[in-house]
Amino acid sequence: MPLSGALTKARIVEAVVETNGYTQKKAHETIEILLELIKRSLESGEDVLISGFGKFCVKNKKKRRGRNPATGKDLILAPRKVVTFRLSGKLKEKLNSKPETKAKNRRVRG
C-alpha cells in the first residue's frame, strides 16, 4: 500500500488492517499499545531504539536566553526536556540512495 502525504495514526491503523487482516479495532488497539509504550519510555527518560529505523533520545536543555520573535523582547527560556531522533544507518542509506531518474532518458538539445 503506497502512502502519500502525512502519515497519521489513522493511516497506520488502516495499513495494519490491510497488511495483516486485523479488524479495525484490533489494529487500533495494537497501535495504541505501541505508542503508549514509546511514550512511557520517553517520559521516564529512557531512549527508544527501533532497529533499522532509528533512536528516540530524551535530552535535557539548560535554561537559556531567547527572544520573543513577535515583540523582539529578550527573555529567559526555562530548562526543559526535548526528544530527538537519530536515523539508523539502514534508514539513512535508503533516504540518501539516488533513485533512477528520467534525466538519463532525455535527449540533450543543442
PDB file of N, CA and C in Angstrom:
ATOM      1  N   MET A   1       0.845  -1.189   0.000  1.00  0.00           N
ATOM      2  CA  MET A   1       0.000   0.000   0.000  1.00  0.00           C
ATOM      3  C   MET A   1       0.882   1.240   0.000  1.00  0.00           C
ATOM      4  N   PRO A   2       0.963   1.972  -1.099  1.00  0.00           N
ATOM      5  CA  PRO A   2       1.772   3.188  -1.126  1.00  0.00           C
ATOM      6  C   PRO A   2       1.109   4.280  -0.298  1.00  0.00           C
ATOM      7  N   LEU A   3       1.924   4.953   0.491  1.00  0.00           N
ATOM      8  CA  LEU A   3       1.411   6.033   1.332  1.00  0.00           C
ATOM      9  C   LEU A   3       1.898   7.356   0.776  1.00  0.00           C
ATOM     10  N   SER A   4       1.006   8.330   0.689  1.00  0.00           N
ATOM     11  CA  SER A   4       1.416   9.659   0.256  1.00  0.00           C
ATOM     12  C   SER A   4       0.836  10.668   1.233  1.00  0.00           C
ATOM     13  N   GLY A   5       1.513  11.787   1.374  1.00  0.00           N
ATOM     14  CA  GLY A   5       1.088  12.791   2.340  1.00  0.00           C
ATOM     15  C   GLY A   5       1.563  12.435   3.739  1.00  0.00           C
ATOM     16  N   ALA A   6       1.061  13.164   4.716  1.00  0.00           N
ATOM     17  CA  ALA A   6       1.464  12.944   6.103  1.00  0.00           C
ATOM     18  C   ALA A   6       0.972  11.588   6.597  1.00  0.00           C
ATOM     19  N   LEU A   7       1.824  10.889   7.300  1.00  0.00           N
ATOM     20  CA  LEU A   7       1.459   9.592   7.863  1.00  0.00           C
ATOM     21  C   LEU A   7       0.820   9.834   9.224  1.00  0.00           C
ATOM     22  N   THR A   8      -0.463   9.571   9.323  1.00  0.00           N
ATOM     23  CA  THR A   8      -1.210   9.782  10.562  1.00  0.00           C
ATOM     24  C   THR A   8      -1.458   8.450  11.256  1.00  0.00           C
ATOM     25  N   LYS A   9      -1.881   8.529  12.511  1.00  0.00           N
ATOM     26  CA  LYS A   9      -2.200   7.315  13.253  1.00  0.00           C
ATOM     27  C   LYS A   9      -3.300   6.537  12.535  1.00  0.00           C
ATOM     28  N   ALA A  10      -4.292   7.230  12.032  1.00  0.00           N
ATOM     29  CA  ALA A  10      -5.396   6.579  11.319  1.00  0.00           C
ATOM     30  C   ALA A  10      -4.889   5.833  10.089  1.00  0.00           C
ATOM     31  N   ARG A  11      -3.936   6.416   9.371  1.00  0.00           N
ATOM     32  CA  ARG A  11      -3.388   5.757   8.183  1.00  0.00           C
ATOM     33  C   ARG A  11      -2.527   4.563   8.558  1.00  0.00           C
ATOM     34  N   ILE A  12      -1.845   4.638   9.699  1.00  0.00           N
ATOM     35  CA  ILE A  12      -1.068   3.490  10.169  1.00  0.00           C
ATOM     36  C   ILE A  12      -2.014   2.343  10.501  1.00  0.00           C
ATOM     37  N   VAL A  13      -3.101   2.654  11.201  1.00  0.00           N
ATOM     38  CA  VAL A  13      -4.102   1.640  11.546  1.00  0.00           C
ATOM     39  C   VAL A  13      -4.653   1.012  10.272  1.00  0.00           C
ATOM     40  N   GLU A  14      -4.974   1.836   9.302  1.00  0.00           N
ATOM     41  CA  GLU A  14      -5.506   1.368   8.020  1.00  0.00           C
ATOM     42  C   GLU A  14      -4.517   0.422   7.331  1.00  0.00           C
ATOM     43  N   ALA A  15      -3.232   0.767   7.372  1.00  0.00           N
ATOM     44  CA  ALA A  15      -2.206  -0.074   6.752  1.00  0.00           C
ATOM     45  C   ALA A  15      -2.075  -1.414   7.477  1.00  0.00           C
ATOM     46  N   VAL A  16      -2.186  -1.404   8.805  1.00  0.00           N
ATOM     47  CA  VAL A  16      -2.120  -2.646   9.575  1.00  0.00           C
ATOM     48  C   VAL A  16      -3.314  -3.534   9.244  1.00  0.00           C
ATOM     49  N   VAL A  17      -4.486  -2.933   9.099  1.00  0.00           N
ATOM     50  CA  VAL A  17      -5.688  -3.695   8.733  1.00  0.00           C
ATOM     51  C   VAL A  17      -5.487  -4.361   7.374  1.00  0.00           C
ATOM     52  N   GLU A  18      -5.017  -3.599   6.395  1.00  0.00           N
ATOM     53  CA  GLU A  18      -4.840  -4.128   5.041  1.00  0.00           C
ATOM     54  C   GLU A  18      -3.715  -5.154   4.955  1.00  0.00           C
ATOM     55  N   THR A  19      -2.631  -4.919   5.690  1.00  0.00           N
ATOM     56  CA  THR A  19      -1.466  -5.790   5.610  1.00  0.00           C
ATOM     57  C   THR A  19      -1.647  -7.098   6.378  1.00  0.00           C
ATOM     58  N   ASN A  20      -2.195  -7.001   7.601  1.00  0.00           N
ATOM     59  CA  ASN A  20      -2.271  -8.173   8.468  1.00  0.00           C
ATOM     60  C   ASN A  20      -3.656  -8.777   8.579  1.00  0.00           C
ATOM     61  N   GLY A  21      -4.651  -8.135   8.010  1.00  0.00           N
ATOM     62  CA  GLY A  21      -6.005  -8.661   8.089  1.00  0.00           C
ATOM     63  C   GLY A  21      -6.634  -8.510   9.463  1.00  0.00           C
ATOM     64  N   TYR A  22      -6.051  -7.641  10.293  1.00  0.00           N
ATOM     65  CA  TYR A  22      -6.637  -7.375  11.612  1.00  0.00           C
ATOM     66  C   TYR A  22      -7.962  -6.655  11.422  1.00  0.00           C
ATOM     67  N   THR A  23      -8.804  -6.733  12.442  1.00  0.00           N
ATOM     68  CA  THR A  23     -10.002  -5.895  12.428  1.00  0.00           C
ATOM     69  C   THR A  23      -9.549  -4.468  12.718  1.00  0.00           C
ATOM     70  N   GLN A  24     -10.404  -3.518  12.400  1.00  0.00           N
ATOM     71  CA  GLN A  24     -10.090  -2.116  12.657  1.00  0.00           C
ATOM     72  C   GLN A  24      -9.810  -1.918  14.156  1.00  0.00           C
ATOM     73  N   LYS A  25     -10.631  -2.535  14.990  1.00  0.00           N
ATOM     74  CA  LYS A  25     -10.477  -2.387  16.441  1.00  0.00           C
ATOM     75  C   LYS A  25      -9.152  -2.970  16.925  1.00  0.00           C
ATOM     76  N   LYS A  26      -8.808  -4.168  16.460  1.00  0.00           N
ATOM     77  CA  LYS A  26      -7.568  -4.832  16.871  1.00  0.00           C
ATOM     78  C   LYS A  26      -6.349  -4.037  16.414  1.00  0.00           C
ATOM     79  N   ALA A  27      -6.373  -3.536  15.191  1.00  0.00           N
ATOM     80  CA  ALA A  27      -5.260  -2.739  14.672  1.00  0.00           C
ATOM     81  C   ALA A  27      -5.110  -1.459  15.482  1.00  0.00           C
ATOM     82  N   HIS A  28      -6.221  -0.798  15.798  1.00  0.00           N
ATOM     83  CA  HIS A  28      -6.181   0.439  16.574  1.00  0.00           C
ATOM     84  C   HIS A  28      -5.614   0.170  17.968  1.00  0.00           C
ATOM     85  N   GLU A  29      -6.054  -0.903  18.610  1.00  0.00           N
ATOM     86  CA  GLU A  29      -5.550  -1.255  19.942  1.00  0.00           C
ATOM     87  C   GLU A  29      -4.044  -1.533  19.897  1.00  0.00           C
ATOM     88  N   THR A  30      -3.600  -2.236  18.869  1.00  0.00           N
ATOM     89  CA  THR A  30      -2.182  -2.570  18.726  1.00  0.00           C
ATOM     90  C   THR A  30      -1.333  -1.309  18.593  1.00  0.00           C
ATOM     91  N   ILE A  31      -1.757  -0.387  17.746  1.00  0.00           N
ATOM     92  CA  ILE A  31      -1.019   0.866  17.545  1.00  0.00           C
ATOM     93  C   ILE A  31      -1.034   1.697  18.821  1.00  0.00           C
ATOM     94  N   GLU A  32      -2.167   1.748  19.521  1.00  0.00           N
ATOM     95  CA  GLU A  32      -2.256   2.493  20.779  1.00  0.00           C
ATOM     96  C   GLU A  32      -1.294   1.930  21.820  1.00  0.00           C
ATOM     97  N   ILE A  33      -1.207   0.595  21.915  1.00  0.00           N
ATOM     98  CA  ILE A  33      -0.286  -0.036  22.867  1.00  0.00           C
ATOM     99  C   ILE A  33       1.155   0.335  22.522  1.00  0.00           C
ATOM    100  N   LEU A  34       1.510   0.247  21.242  1.00  0.00           N
ATOM    101  CA  LEU A  34       2.857   0.591  20.804  1.00  0.00           C
ATOM    102  C   LEU A  34       3.205   2.035  21.151  1.00  0.00           C
ATOM    103  N   LEU A  35       2.311   2.957  20.831  1.00  0.00           N
ATOM    104  CA  LEU A  35       2.572   4.369  21.102  1.00  0.00           C
ATOM    105  C   LEU A  35       2.644   4.644  22.604  1.00  0.00           C
ATOM    106  N   GLU A  36       1.820   3.972  23.384  1.00  0.00           N
ATOM    107  CA  GLU A  36       1.843   4.149  24.840  1.00  0.00           C
ATOM    108  C   GLU A  36       3.167   3.659  25.420  1.00  0.00           C
ATOM    109  N   LEU A  37       3.681   2.534  24.925  1.00  0.00           N
ATOM    110  CA  LEU A  37       4.976   2.028  25.376  1.00  0.00           C
ATOM    111  C   LEU A  37       6.093   3.031  25.069  1.00  0.00           C
ATOM    112  N   ILE A  38       6.062   3.596  23.877  1.00  0.00           N
ATOM    113  CA  ILE A  38       7.067   4.584  23.487  1.00  0.00           C
ATOM    114  C   ILE A  38       6.957   5.815  24.380  1.00  0.00           C
ATOM    115  N   LYS A  39       5.729   6.304  24.611  1.00  0.00           N
ATOM    116  CA  LYS A  39       5.533   7.489  25.450  1.00  0.00           C
ATOM    117  C   LYS A  39       6.039   7.255  26.866  1.00  0.00           C
ATOM    118  N   ARG A  40       5.694   6.099  27.452  1.00  0.00           N
ATOM    119  CA  ARG A  40       6.128   5.793  28.822  1.00  0.00           C
ATOM    120  C   ARG A  40       7.642   5.746  28.938  1.00  0.00           C
ATOM    121  N   SER A  41       8.284   5.137  27.963  1.00  0.00           N
ATOM    122  CA  SER A  41       9.747   5.059  27.983  1.00  0.00           C
ATOM    123  C   SER A  41      10.370   6.450  27.924  1.00  0.00           C
ATOM    124  N   LEU A  42       9.872   7.284  27.026  1.00  0.00           N
ATOM    125  CA  LEU A  42      10.400   8.644  26.899  1.00  0.00           C
ATOM    126  C   LEU A  42      10.118   9.472  28.144  1.00  0.00           C
ATOM    127  N   GLU A  43       8.921   9.330  28.722  1.00  0.00           N
ATOM    128  CA  GLU A  43       8.577  10.073  29.940  1.00  0.00           C
ATOM    129  C   GLU A  43       9.505   9.717  31.089  1.00  0.00           C
ATOM    130  N   SER A  44       9.941   8.454  31.142  1.00  0.00           N
ATOM    131  CA  SER A  44      10.833   8.041  32.226  1.00  0.00           C
ATOM    132  C   SER A  44      12.299   8.324  31.903  1.00  0.00           C
ATOM    133  N   GLY A  45      12.559   8.968  30.765  1.00  0.00           N
ATOM    134  CA  GLY A  45      13.915   9.365  30.401  1.00  0.00           C
ATOM    135  C   GLY A  45      14.698   8.302  29.656  1.00  0.00           C
ATOM    136  N   GLU A  46      14.053   7.205  29.306  1.00  0.00           N
ATOM    137  CA  GLU A  46      14.727   6.130  28.575  1.00  0.00           C
ATOM    138  C   GLU A  46      14.693   6.399  27.078  1.00  0.00           C
ATOM    139  N   ASP A  47      15.745   5.959  26.394  1.00  0.00           N
ATOM    140  CA  ASP A  47      15.774   6.052  24.939  1.00  0.00           C
ATOM    141  C   ASP A  47      14.923   4.936  24.349  1.00  0.00           C
ATOM    142  N   VAL A  48      14.454   5.144  23.128  1.00  0.00           N
ATOM    143  CA  VAL A  48      13.687   4.129  22.401  1.00  0.00           C
ATOM    144  C   VAL A  48      14.450   3.822  21.128  1.00  0.00           C
ATOM    145  N   LEU A  49      14.940   2.585  21.032  1.00  0.00           N
ATOM    146  CA  LEU A  49      15.717   2.156  19.879  1.00  0.00           C
ATOM    147  C   LEU A  49      14.905   1.163  19.060  1.00  0.00           C
ATOM    148  N   ILE A  50      14.672   1.497  17.795  1.00  0.00           N
ATOM    149  CA  ILE A  50      13.951   0.610  16.888  1.00  0.00           C
ATOM    150  C   ILE A  50      14.922   0.243  15.767  1.00  0.00           C
ATOM    151  N   SER A  51      15.393  -1.008  15.790  1.00  0.00           N
ATOM    152  CA  SER A  51      16.395  -1.461  14.822  1.00  0.00           C
ATOM    153  C   SER A  51      15.920  -1.227  13.397  1.00  0.00           C
ATOM    154  N   GLY A  52      16.828  -0.734  12.578  1.00  0.00           N
ATOM    155  CA  GLY A  52      16.518  -0.486  11.177  1.00  0.00           C
ATOM    156  C   GLY A  52      15.737   0.796  10.941  1.00  0.00           C
ATOM    157  N   PHE A  53      15.373   1.485  12.025  1.00  0.00           N
ATOM    158  CA  PHE A  53      14.596   2.727  11.900  1.00  0.00           C
ATOM    159  C   PHE A  53      15.359   3.885  12.527  1.00  0.00           C
ATOM    160  N   GLY A  54      15.584   3.825  13.844  1.00  0.00           N
ATOM    161  CA  GLY A  54      16.318   4.888  14.498  1.00  0.00           C
ATOM    162  C   GLY A  54      16.145   4.864  15.993  1.00  0.00           C
ATOM    163  N   LYS A  55      16.608   5.938  16.630  1.00  0.00           N
ATOM    164  CA  LYS A  55      16.614   6.022  18.083  1.00  0.00           C
ATOM    165  C   LYS A  55      16.035   7.367  18.520  1.00  0.00           C
ATOM    166  N   PHE A  56      15.032   7.304  19.399  1.00  0.00           N
ATOM    167  CA  PHE A  56      14.468   8.495  20.019  1.00  0.00           C
ATOM    168  C   PHE A  56      15.199   8.698  21.336  1.00  0.00           C
ATOM    169  N   CYS A  57      15.754   9.872  21.564  1.00  0.00           N
ATOM    170  CA  CYS A  57      16.523  10.154  22.771  1.00  0.00           C
ATOM    171  C   CYS A  57      15.924  11.357  23.497  1.00  0.00           C
ATOM    172  N   VAL A  58      15.887  11.283  24.832  1.00  0.00           N
ATOM    173  CA  VAL A  58      15.439  12.406  25.646  1.00  0.00           C
ATOM    174  C   VAL A  58      16.673  13.216  26.005  1.00  0.00           C
ATOM    175  N   LYS A  59      16.658  14.501  25.719  1.00  0.00           N
ATOM    176  CA  LYS A  59      17.772  15.401  26.016  1.00  0.00           C
ATOM    177  C   LYS A  59      17.292  16.491  26.970  1.00  0.00           C
ATOM    178  N   ASN A  60      18.143  16.865  27.894  1.00  0.00           N
ATOM    179  CA  ASN A  60      17.841  17.964  28.824  1.00  0.00           C
ATOM    180  C   ASN A  60      18.424  19.250  28.264  1.00  0.00           C
ATOM    181  N   LYS A  61      17.588  20.242  28.107  1.00  0.00           N
ATOM    182  CA  LYS A  61      18.029  21.563  27.659  1.00  0.00           C
ATOM    183  C   LYS A  61      18.190  22.454  28.880  1.00  0.00           C
ATOM    184  N   LYS A  62      19.291  23.169  28.949  1.00  0.00           N
ATOM    185  CA  LYS A  62      19.516  24.099  30.062  1.00  0.00           C
ATOM    186  C   LYS A  62      18.721  25.373  29.816  1.00  0.00           C
ATOM    187  N   LYS A  63      18.575  26.167  30.883  1.00  0.00           N
ATOM    188  CA  LYS A  63      17.907  27.453  30.680  1.00  0.00           C
ATOM    189  C   LYS A  63      18.815  28.306  29.797  1.00  0.00           C
ATOM    190  N   ARG A  64      18.194  29.134  28.982  1.00  0.00           N
ATOM    191  CA  ARG A  64      18.980  29.955  28.059  1.00  0.00           C
ATOM    192  C   ARG A  64      18.245  31.231  27.725  1.00  0.00           C
ATOM    193  N   ARG A  65      19.012  32.150  27.163  1.00  0.00           N
ATOM    194  CA  ARG A  65      18.402  33.402  26.718  1.00  0.00           C
ATOM    195  C   ARG A  65      17.711  33.179  25.398  1.00  0.00           C
ATOM    196  N   GLY A  66      16.576  33.811  25.231  1.00  0.00           N
ATOM    197  CA  GLY A  66      15.835  33.726  23.982  1.00  0.00           C
ATOM    198  C   GLY A  66      15.260  35.082  23.644  1.00  0.00           C
ATOM    199  N   ARG A  67      14.453  35.122  22.619  1.00  0.00           N
ATOM    200  CA  ARG A  67      13.851  36.373  22.182  1.00  0.00           C
ATOM    201  C   ARG A  67      12.466  36.067  21.648  1.00  0.00           C
ATOM    202  N   ASN A  68      11.500  36.877  22.040  1.00  0.00           N
ATOM    203  CA  ASN A  68      10.151  36.753  21.511  1.00  0.00           C
ATOM    204  C   ASN A  68      10.172  37.321  20.096  1.00  0.00           C
ATOM    205  N   PRO A  69       9.929  36.489  19.074  1.00  0.00           N
ATOM    206  CA  PRO A  69      10.014  36.989  17.700  1.00  0.00           C
ATOM    207  C   PRO A  69       8.950  38.032  17.360  1.00  0.00           C
ATOM    208  N   ALA A  70       7.833  38.003  18.060  1.00  0.00           N
ATOM    209  CA  ALA A  70       6.766  38.968  17.762  1.00  0.00           C
ATOM    210  C   ALA A  70       7.103  40.367  18.291  1.00  0.00           C
ATOM    211  N   THR A  71       7.685  40.411  19.498  1.00  0.00           N
ATOM    212  CA  THR A  71       7.945  41.718  20.121  1.00  0.00           C
ATOM    213  C   THR A  71       9.416  42.103  20.100  1.00  0.00           C
ATOM    214  N   GLY A  72      10.300  41.119  19.920  1.00  0.00           N
ATOM    215  CA  GLY A  72      11.733  41.389  19.942  1.00  0.00           C
ATOM    216  C   GLY A  72      12.285  41.455  21.363  1.00  0.00           C
ATOM    217  N   LYS A  73      11.427  41.250  22.359  1.00  0.00           N
ATOM    218  CA  LYS A  73      11.832  41.348  23.757  1.00  0.00           C
ATOM    219  C   LYS A  73      12.667  40.131  24.169  1.00  0.00           C
ATOM    220  N   ASP A  74      13.787  40.376  24.879  1.00  0.00           N
ATOM    221  CA  ASP A  74      14.616  39.283  25.395  1.00  0.00           C
ATOM    222  C   ASP A  74      13.907  38.610  26.551  1.00  0.00           C
ATOM    223  N   LEU A  75      14.137  37.303  26.699  1.00  0.00           N
ATOM    224  CA  LEU A  75      13.555  36.561  27.809  1.00  0.00           C
ATOM    225  C   LEU A  75      14.435  35.358  28.122  1.00  0.00           C
ATOM    226  N   ILE A  76      14.181  34.720  29.273  1.00  0.00           N
ATOM    227  CA  ILE A  76      14.919  33.532  29.664  1.00  0.00           C
ATOM    228  C   ILE A  76      14.005  32.322  29.469  1.00  0.00           C
ATOM    229  N   LEU A  77      14.493  31.360  28.708  1.00  0.00           N
ATOM    230  CA  LEU A  77      13.734  30.132  28.470  1.00  0.00           C
ATOM    231  C   LEU A  77      14.083  29.133  29.574  1.00  0.00           C
ATOM    232  N   ALA A  78      13.069  28.552  30.178  1.00  0.00           N
ATOM    233  CA  ALA A  78      13.249  27.622  31.300  1.00  0.00           C
ATOM    234  C   ALA A  78      13.907  26.325  30.817  1.00  0.00           C
ATOM    235  N   PRO A  79      14.572  25.612  31.736  1.00  0.00           N
ATOM    236  CA  PRO A  79      15.108  24.302  31.353  1.00  0.00           C
ATOM    237  C   PRO A  79      13.962  23.376  30.954  1.00  0.00           C
ATOM    238  N   ARG A  80      14.230  22.466  30.037  1.00  0.00           N
ATOM    239  CA  ARG A  80      13.163  21.584  29.562  1.00  0.00           C
ATOM    240  C   ARG A  80      13.766  20.322  28.970  1.00  0.00           C
ATOM    241  N   LYS A  81      12.913  19.349  28.737  1.00  0.00           N
ATOM    242  CA  LYS A  81      13.330  18.114  28.078  1.00  0.00           C
ATOM    243  C   LYS A  81      12.780  18.127  26.662  1.00  0.00           C
ATOM    244  N   VAL A  82      13.573  17.622  25.727  1.00  0.00           N
ATOM    245  CA  VAL A  82      13.142  17.506  24.342  1.00  0.00           C
ATOM    246  C   VAL A  82      13.464  16.101  23.854  1.00  0.00           C
ATOM    247  N   VAL A  83      12.755  15.665  22.838  1.00  0.00           N
ATOM    248  CA  VAL A  83      13.018  14.364  22.233  1.00  0.00           C
ATOM    249  C   VAL A  83      13.682  14.607  20.885  1.00  0.00           C
ATOM    250  N   THR A  84      14.793  13.919  20.676  1.00  0.00           N
ATOM    251  CA  THR A  84      15.483  13.996  19.389  1.00  0.00           C
ATOM    252  C   THR A  84      15.391  12.630  18.715  1.00  0.00           C
ATOM    253  N   PHE A  85      15.626  12.615  17.424  1.00  0.00           N
ATOM    254  CA  PHE A  85      15.573  11.368  16.670  1.00  0.00           C
ATOM    255  C   PHE A  85      16.830  11.246  15.837  1.00  0.00           C
ATOM    256  N   ARG A  86      17.468  10.084  15.908  1.00  0.00           N
ATOM    257  CA  ARG A  86      18.640   9.804  15.076  1.00  0.00           C
ATOM    258  C   ARG A  86      18.309   8.618  14.176  1.00  0.00           C
ATOM    259  N   LEU A  87      18.514   8.800  12.893  1.00  0.00           N
ATOM    260  CA  LEU A  87      18.249   7.745  11.917  1.00  0.00           C
ATOM    261  C   LEU A  87      19.198   6.572  12.118  1.00  0.00           C
ATOM    262  N   SER A  88      18.709   5.378  11.822  1.00  0.00           N
ATOM    263  CA  SER A  88      19.610   4.230  11.778  1.00  0.00           C
ATOM    264  C   SER A  88      20.425   4.331  10.497  1.00  0.00           C
ATOM    265  N   GLY A  89      21.527   3.625  10.457  1.00  0.00           N
ATOM    266  CA  GLY A  89      22.351   3.624   9.248  1.00  0.00           C
ATOM    267  C   GLY A  89      21.589   3.108   8.049  1.00  0.00           C
ATOM    268  N   LYS A  90      20.757   2.065   8.265  1.00  0.00           N
ATOM    269  CA  LYS A  90      19.986   1.482   7.158  1.00  0.00           C
ATOM    270  C   LYS A  90      18.980   2.484   6.596  1.00  0.00           C
ATOM    271  N   LEU A  91      18.277   3.196   7.475  1.00  0.00           N
ATOM    272  CA  LEU A  91      17.288   4.169   7.006  1.00  0.00           C
ATOM    273  C   LEU A  91      17.976   5.345   6.321  1.00  0.00           C
ATOM    274  N   LYS A  92      19.090   5.786   6.880  1.00  0.00           N
ATOM    275  CA  LYS A  92      19.838   6.887   6.275  1.00  0.00           C
ATOM    276  C   LYS A  92      20.287   6.508   4.868  1.00  0.00           C
ATOM    277  N   GLU A  93      20.731   5.266   4.725  1.00  0.00           N
ATOM    278  CA  GLU A  93      21.164   4.769   3.422  1.00  0.00           C
ATOM    279  C   GLU A  93      20.008   4.780   2.424  1.00  0.00           C
ATOM    280  N   LYS A  94      18.829   4.312   2.862  1.00  0.00           N
ATOM    281  CA  LYS A  94      17.658   4.294   1.977  1.00  0.00           C
ATOM    282  C   LYS A  94      17.241   5.703   1.564  1.00  0.00           C
ATOM    283  N   LEU A  95      17.273   6.635   2.514  1.00  0.00           N
ATOM    284  CA  LEU A  95      16.864   8.003   2.212  1.00  0.00           C
ATOM    285  C   LEU A  95      17.826   8.697   1.262  1.00  0.00           C
ATOM    286  N   ASN A  96      19.089   8.341   1.350  1.00  0.00           N
ATOM    287  CA  ASN A  96      20.103   9.019   0.551  1.00  0.00           C
ATOM    288  C   ASN A  96      20.503   8.279  -0.714  1.00  0.00           C
ATOM    289  N   SER A  97      19.881   7.134  -0.986  1.00  0.00           N
ATOM    290  CA  SER A  97      20.196   6.434  -2.231  1.00  0.00           C
ATOM    291  C   SER A  97      19.550   7.201  -3.370  1.00  0.00           C
ATOM    292  N   LYS A  98      20.226   7.229  -4.498  1.00  0.00           N
ATOM    293  CA  LYS A  98      19.732   8.006  -5.638  1.00  0.00           C
ATOM    294  C   LYS A  98      18.865   7.122  -6.514  1.00  0.00           C
ATOM    295  N   PRO A  99      17.574   7.438  -6.616  1.00  0.00           N
ATOM    296  CA  PRO A  99      16.700   6.655  -7.496  1.00  0.00           C
ATOM    297  C   PRO A  99      17.026   6.947  -8.948  1.00  0.00           C
ATOM    298  N   GLU A 100      16.700   5.986  -9.807  1.00  0.00           N
ATOM    299  CA  GLU A 100      16.895   6.192 -11.243  1.00  0.00           C
ATOM    300  C   GLU A 100      16.043   7.380 -11.673  1.00  0.00           C
ATOM    301  N   THR A 101      16.619   8.277 -12.408  1.00  0.00           N
ATOM    302  CA  THR A 101      15.872   9.463 -12.836  1.00  0.00           C
ATOM    303  C   THR A 101      15.549   9.378 -14.317  1.00  0.00           C
ATOM    304  N   LYS A 102      14.588  10.157 -14.706  1.00  0.00           N
ATOM    305  CA  LYS A 102      14.203  10.216 -16.109  1.00  0.00           C
ATOM    306  C   LYS A 102      15.220  11.022 -16.913  1.00  0.00           C
ATOM    307  N   ALA A 103      16.095  11.736 -16.207  1.00  0.00           N
ATOM    308  CA  ALA A 103      17.070  12.579 -16.887  1.00  0.00           C
ATOM    309  C   ALA A 103      17.974  11.762 -17.799  1.00  0.00           C
ATOM    310  N   LYS A 104      18.251  10.503 -17.425  1.00  0.00           N
ATOM    311  CA  LYS A 104      19.108   9.653 -18.261  1.00  0.00           C
ATOM    312  C   LYS A 104      18.485   9.433 -19.628  1.00  0.00           C
ATOM    313  N   ASN A 105      17.170   9.388 -19.676  1.00  0.00           N
ATOM    314  CA  ASN A 105      16.473   9.067 -20.919  1.00  0.00           C
ATOM    315  C   ASN A 105      16.198  10.316 -21.771  1.00  0.00           C
ATOM    316  N   ARG A 106      16.473  11.481 -21.232  1.00  0.00           N
ATOM    317  CA  ARG A 106      16.208  12.714 -22.000  1.00  0.00           C
ATOM    318  C   ARG A 106      17.313  12.957 -23.010  1.00  0.00           C
ATOM    319  N   ARG A 107      16.926  13.503 -24.122  1.00  0.00           N
ATOM    320  CA  ARG A 107      17.904  13.873 -25.126  1.00  0.00           C
ATOM    321  C   ARG A 107      18.429  15.260 -24.822  1.00  0.00           C
ATOM    322  N   VAL A 108      19.667  15.446 -25.062  1.00  0.00           N
ATOM    323  CA  VAL A 108      20.266  16.759 -24.860  1.00  0.00           C
ATOM    324  C   VAL A 108      20.003  17.572 -26.113  1.00  0.00           C
ATOM    325  N   ARG A 109      19.414  18.754 -25.916  1.00  0.00           N
ATOM    326  CA  ARG A 109      19.116  19.626 -27.053  1.00  0.00           C
ATOM    327  C   ARG A 109      20.309  20.537 -27.282  1.00  0.00           C
ATOM    328  N   GLY A 110      20.637  20.726 -28.518  1.00  0.00           N
ATOM    329  CA  GLY A 110      21.796  21.539 -28.793  1.00  0.00           C
ATOM    330  C   GLY A 110      21.579  22.572 -29.819  1.00  0.00           C
TER     331      GLY A 110
END
